[in-house]
Amino acid sequence: MQGMNKSVALLLLFAFALSGCSSFSKTGRQQRAYEKYVRKSSITRVKQQSRFRSGKPQMPSQPMEPSGPVETMETGPQAIPTDG
């Protein structure tokens, strides 16, 4: 049993030491992180572009004319002046 454990341990050590296991190396991790970043940023960019296309406000066909002064009238109970 101990001999088998040693051989499995040596086999794993040998497999990790090979340069063929590039996914465990520093550059392999960096490449995976960069691919994830590119994927995420491209998805975000597509979402933003579709949001801008659908929510784009339309310019009015004719310019709005400035309105004159606005008078407001209040309706309701008002204070009655008293002579005192």
N, C-alpha and C. Protein backbone atom coordinates (compact mmCIF):
# COMPACT_ATOMS: atom_id res chain seq x y z
N MET A 1 0.83 -1.19 0.00
CA MET A 1 0.00 0.00 0.00
C MET A 1 0.87 1.25 0.00
N GLN A 2 1.94 1.27 0.82
CA GLN A 2 2.81 2.42 0.88
C GLN A 2 3.58 2.59 -0.41
N GLY A 3 3.94 1.48 -1.02
CA GLY A 3 4.65 1.53 -2.30
C GLY A 3 3.78 2.15 -3.39
N MET A 4 2.48 1.84 -3.35
CA MET A 4 1.55 2.39 -4.33
C MET A 4 1.36 3.89 -4.10
N ASN A 5 1.29 4.31 -2.84
CA ASN A 5 1.14 5.74 -2.53
C ASN A 5 2.35 6.52 -3.01
N LYS A 6 3.54 5.93 -2.82
CA LYS A 6 4.77 6.60 -3.27
C LYS A 6 4.78 6.73 -4.79
N SER A 7 4.36 5.68 -5.47
CA SER A 7 4.38 5.72 -6.93
C SER A 7 3.35 6.73 -7.46
N VAL A 8 2.20 6.81 -6.82
CA VAL A 8 1.19 7.79 -7.22
C VAL A 8 1.69 9.20 -6.95
N ALA A 9 2.35 9.40 -5.83
CA ALA A 9 2.90 10.71 -5.50
C ALA A 9 3.98 11.11 -6.50
N LEU A 10 4.85 10.17 -6.86
CA LEU A 10 5.89 10.46 -7.84
C LEU A 10 5.29 10.75 -9.22
N LEU A 11 4.26 10.01 -9.57
CA LEU A 11 3.60 10.22 -10.85
C LEU A 11 2.96 11.61 -10.91
N LEU A 12 2.31 12.02 -9.83
CA LEU A 12 1.70 13.35 -9.79
C LEU A 12 2.76 14.44 -9.83
N LEU A 13 3.84 14.23 -9.08
CA LEU A 13 4.93 15.20 -9.08
C LEU A 13 5.54 15.33 -10.47
N PHE A 14 5.72 14.22 -11.12
CA PHE A 14 6.28 14.22 -12.47
C PHE A 14 5.33 14.90 -13.46
N ALA A 15 4.03 14.67 -13.32
CA ALA A 15 3.05 15.27 -14.22
C ALA A 15 3.00 16.79 -14.05
N PHE A 16 3.10 17.26 -12.82
CA PHE A 16 3.08 18.71 -12.59
C PHE A 16 4.39 19.37 -12.99
N ALA A 17 5.47 18.62 -12.98
CA ALA A 17 6.77 19.17 -13.32
C ALA A 17 6.95 19.30 -14.83
N LEU A 18 6.16 18.58 -15.60
CA LEU A 18 6.28 18.66 -17.05
C LEU A 18 5.83 20.04 -17.55
N SER A 19 6.46 20.49 -18.59
CA SER A 19 6.06 21.77 -19.17
C SER A 19 4.76 21.64 -19.95
N GLY A 20 4.33 20.44 -20.23
CA GLY A 20 3.08 20.22 -20.95
C GLY A 20 1.86 20.62 -20.15
N CYS A 21 1.99 20.69 -18.85
CA CYS A 21 0.87 21.10 -18.00
C CYS A 21 0.90 22.62 -17.88
N SER A 22 0.68 23.28 -18.99
CA SER A 22 0.82 24.74 -19.01
C SER A 22 -0.31 25.44 -18.27
N SER A 23 -1.42 24.74 -18.05
CA SER A 23 -2.53 25.41 -17.38
C SER A 23 -2.23 25.66 -15.91
N PHE A 24 -1.22 25.00 -15.35
CA PHE A 24 -0.86 25.20 -13.96
C PHE A 24 0.31 26.18 -13.79
N SER A 25 0.90 26.60 -14.90
CA SER A 25 2.03 27.52 -14.80
C SER A 25 1.54 28.96 -14.63
N LYS A 26 2.45 29.84 -14.37
CA LYS A 26 2.10 31.25 -14.16
C LYS A 26 1.53 31.85 -15.43
N THR A 27 2.16 31.57 -16.54
CA THR A 27 1.67 32.13 -17.80
C THR A 27 0.31 31.54 -18.19
N GLY A 28 0.10 30.28 -17.88
CA GLY A 28 -1.20 29.66 -18.17
C GLY A 28 -2.31 30.32 -17.38
N ARG A 29 -2.05 30.59 -16.10
CA ARG A 29 -3.05 31.28 -15.28
C ARG A 29 -3.32 32.69 -15.80
N GLN A 30 -2.24 33.38 -16.23
CA GLN A 30 -2.40 34.73 -16.77
C GLN A 30 -3.21 34.71 -18.06
N GLN A 31 -2.96 33.73 -18.90
CA GLN A 31 -3.71 33.63 -20.16
C GLN A 31 -5.19 33.37 -19.90
N ARG A 32 -5.49 32.49 -18.95
CA ARG A 32 -6.90 32.22 -18.61
C ARG A 32 -7.57 33.46 -18.04
N ALA A 33 -6.85 34.19 -17.20
CA ALA A 33 -7.42 35.41 -16.61
C ALA A 33 -7.68 36.45 -17.69
N TYR A 34 -6.76 36.57 -18.65
CA TYR A 34 -6.94 37.54 -19.73
C TYR A 34 -8.12 37.15 -20.62
N GLU A 35 -8.25 35.87 -20.94
CA GLU A 35 -9.38 35.40 -21.74
C GLU A 35 -10.71 35.68 -21.04
N LYS A 36 -10.74 35.48 -19.74
CA LYS A 36 -11.94 35.76 -18.96
C LYS A 36 -12.26 37.25 -19.00
N TYR A 37 -11.23 38.08 -18.87
CA TYR A 37 -11.42 39.54 -18.92
C TYR A 37 -11.95 39.98 -20.28
N VAL A 38 -11.39 39.43 -21.35
CA VAL A 38 -11.84 39.80 -22.70
C VAL A 38 -13.29 39.38 -22.91
N ARG A 39 -13.63 38.17 -22.47
CA ARG A 39 -15.00 37.67 -22.62
C ARG A 39 -15.98 38.57 -21.87
N LYS A 40 -15.63 38.91 -20.63
CA LYS A 40 -16.51 39.72 -19.80
C LYS A 40 -16.67 41.13 -20.37
N SER A 41 -15.56 41.73 -20.82
CA SER A 41 -15.64 43.09 -21.34
C SER A 41 -16.41 43.14 -22.66
N SER A 42 -16.28 42.12 -23.49
CA SER A 42 -17.01 42.13 -24.76
C SER A 42 -18.51 41.96 -24.51
N ILE A 43 -18.89 41.14 -23.55
CA ILE A 43 -20.31 40.99 -23.21
C ILE A 43 -20.86 42.30 -22.67
N THR A 44 -20.09 42.96 -21.81
CA THR A 44 -20.52 44.25 -21.26
C THR A 44 -20.66 45.28 -22.37
N ARG A 45 -19.73 45.30 -23.32
CA ARG A 45 -19.78 46.26 -24.42
C ARG A 45 -21.03 46.04 -25.28
N VAL A 46 -21.35 44.78 -25.57
CA VAL A 46 -22.53 44.48 -26.37
C VAL A 46 -23.80 44.92 -25.64
N LYS A 47 -23.86 44.69 -24.34
CA LYS A 47 -25.02 45.11 -23.57
C LYS A 47 -25.18 46.62 -23.59
N GLN A 48 -24.07 47.34 -23.41
CA GLN A 48 -24.13 48.80 -23.43
C GLN A 48 -24.55 49.32 -24.79
N GLN A 49 -24.04 48.73 -25.86
CA GLN A 49 -24.40 49.18 -27.20
C GLN A 49 -25.89 48.97 -27.46
N SER A 50 -26.42 47.83 -27.05
CA SER A 50 -27.85 47.59 -27.27
C SER A 50 -28.69 48.52 -26.41
N ARG A 51 -28.22 48.84 -25.21
CA ARG A 51 -28.94 49.76 -24.34
C ARG A 51 -28.96 51.17 -24.95
N PHE A 52 -27.83 51.60 -25.52
CA PHE A 52 -27.77 52.93 -26.12
C PHE A 52 -28.62 53.01 -27.38
N ARG A 53 -28.67 51.94 -28.15
CA ARG A 53 -29.48 51.95 -29.38
C ARG A 53 -30.95 52.03 -29.06
N SER A 54 -31.41 51.28 -28.09
CA SER A 54 -32.85 51.24 -27.79
C SER A 54 -33.30 52.45 -26.99
N GLY A 55 -32.46 53.02 -26.16
CA GLY A 55 -32.87 54.12 -25.30
C GLY A 55 -32.44 55.48 -25.81
N LYS A 56 -32.08 55.58 -27.09
CA LYS A 56 -31.59 56.84 -27.63
C LYS A 56 -32.76 57.80 -27.81
N PRO A 57 -32.70 58.99 -27.21
CA PRO A 57 -33.81 59.93 -27.37
C PRO A 57 -33.82 60.51 -28.79
N GLN A 58 -35.02 60.72 -29.32
CA GLN A 58 -35.17 61.27 -30.65
C GLN A 58 -35.15 62.79 -30.57
N MET A 59 -34.48 63.41 -31.52
CA MET A 59 -34.46 64.86 -31.60
C MET A 59 -35.79 65.33 -32.20
N PRO A 60 -36.35 66.43 -31.69
CA PRO A 60 -37.61 66.91 -32.26
C PRO A 60 -37.40 67.39 -33.69
N SER A 61 -38.41 67.16 -34.54
CA SER A 61 -38.26 67.54 -35.94
C SER A 61 -38.28 69.06 -36.11
N GLN A 62 -39.07 69.77 -35.29
CA GLN A 62 -39.09 71.22 -35.33
C GLN A 62 -38.60 71.75 -33.99
N PRO A 63 -37.80 72.81 -34.04
CA PRO A 63 -37.33 73.35 -32.75
C PRO A 63 -38.49 73.93 -31.95
N MET A 64 -38.43 73.76 -30.68
CA MET A 64 -39.50 74.27 -29.81
C MET A 64 -39.37 75.78 -29.71
N GLU A 65 -40.52 76.45 -29.79
CA GLU A 65 -40.52 77.90 -29.69
C GLU A 65 -40.55 78.28 -28.22
N PRO A 66 -39.80 79.31 -27.86
CA PRO A 66 -39.83 79.72 -26.45
C PRO A 66 -41.20 80.28 -26.10
N SER A 67 -41.69 79.90 -24.98
CA SER A 67 -43.00 80.38 -24.55
C SER A 67 -42.83 81.70 -23.80
N GLY A 68 -43.88 82.46 -23.79
CA GLY A 68 -43.86 83.75 -23.11
C GLY A 68 -43.95 83.57 -21.61
N PRO A 69 -44.04 84.67 -20.87
CA PRO A 69 -44.15 84.56 -19.41
C PRO A 69 -45.44 83.83 -19.02
N VAL A 70 -45.34 83.05 -17.99
CA VAL A 70 -46.47 82.25 -17.54
C VAL A 70 -47.03 82.86 -16.27
N GLU A 71 -48.34 83.10 -16.28
CA GLU A 71 -49.00 83.63 -15.08
C GLU A 71 -49.70 82.48 -14.38
N THR A 72 -49.55 82.43 -13.10
CA THR A 72 -50.22 81.38 -12.34
C THR A 72 -51.29 82.02 -11.48
N MET A 73 -52.38 81.33 -11.37
CA MET A 73 -53.48 81.80 -10.54
C MET A 73 -53.72 80.75 -9.47
N GLU A 74 -53.85 81.22 -8.28
CA GLU A 74 -54.13 80.30 -7.19
C GLU A 74 -55.62 80.36 -6.89
N THR A 75 -56.22 79.24 -6.75
CA THR A 75 -57.62 79.18 -6.36
C THR A 75 -57.70 78.54 -5.01
N GLY A 76 -58.57 79.00 -4.21
CA GLY A 76 -58.72 78.44 -2.88
C GLY A 76 -58.90 79.55 -1.88
N PRO A 77 -58.93 79.21 -0.62
CA PRO A 77 -59.15 80.23 0.40
C PRO A 77 -57.96 81.20 0.48
N GLN A 78 -58.31 82.46 0.57
CA GLN A 78 -57.27 83.48 0.69
C GLN A 78 -57.53 84.27 1.96
N ALA A 79 -56.47 84.86 2.47
CA ALA A 79 -56.60 85.67 3.69
C ALA A 79 -57.30 86.98 3.36
N ILE A 80 -58.27 87.37 4.20
CA ILE A 80 -58.99 88.62 4.00
C ILE A 80 -58.32 89.67 4.88
N PRO A 81 -57.91 90.79 4.27
CA PRO A 81 -57.25 91.82 5.10
C PRO A 81 -58.26 92.45 6.08
N THR A 82 -57.85 92.66 7.28
CA THR A 82 -58.71 93.28 8.28
C THR A 82 -58.13 94.63 8.68
N ASP A 83 -59.02 95.58 8.86
CA ASP A 83 -58.58 96.90 9.34
C ASP A 83 -58.55 96.85 10.84
N GLY A 84 -57.48 97.15 11.37
CA GLY A 84 -57.45 96.99 12.78
C GLY A 84 -56.93 98.01 13.57
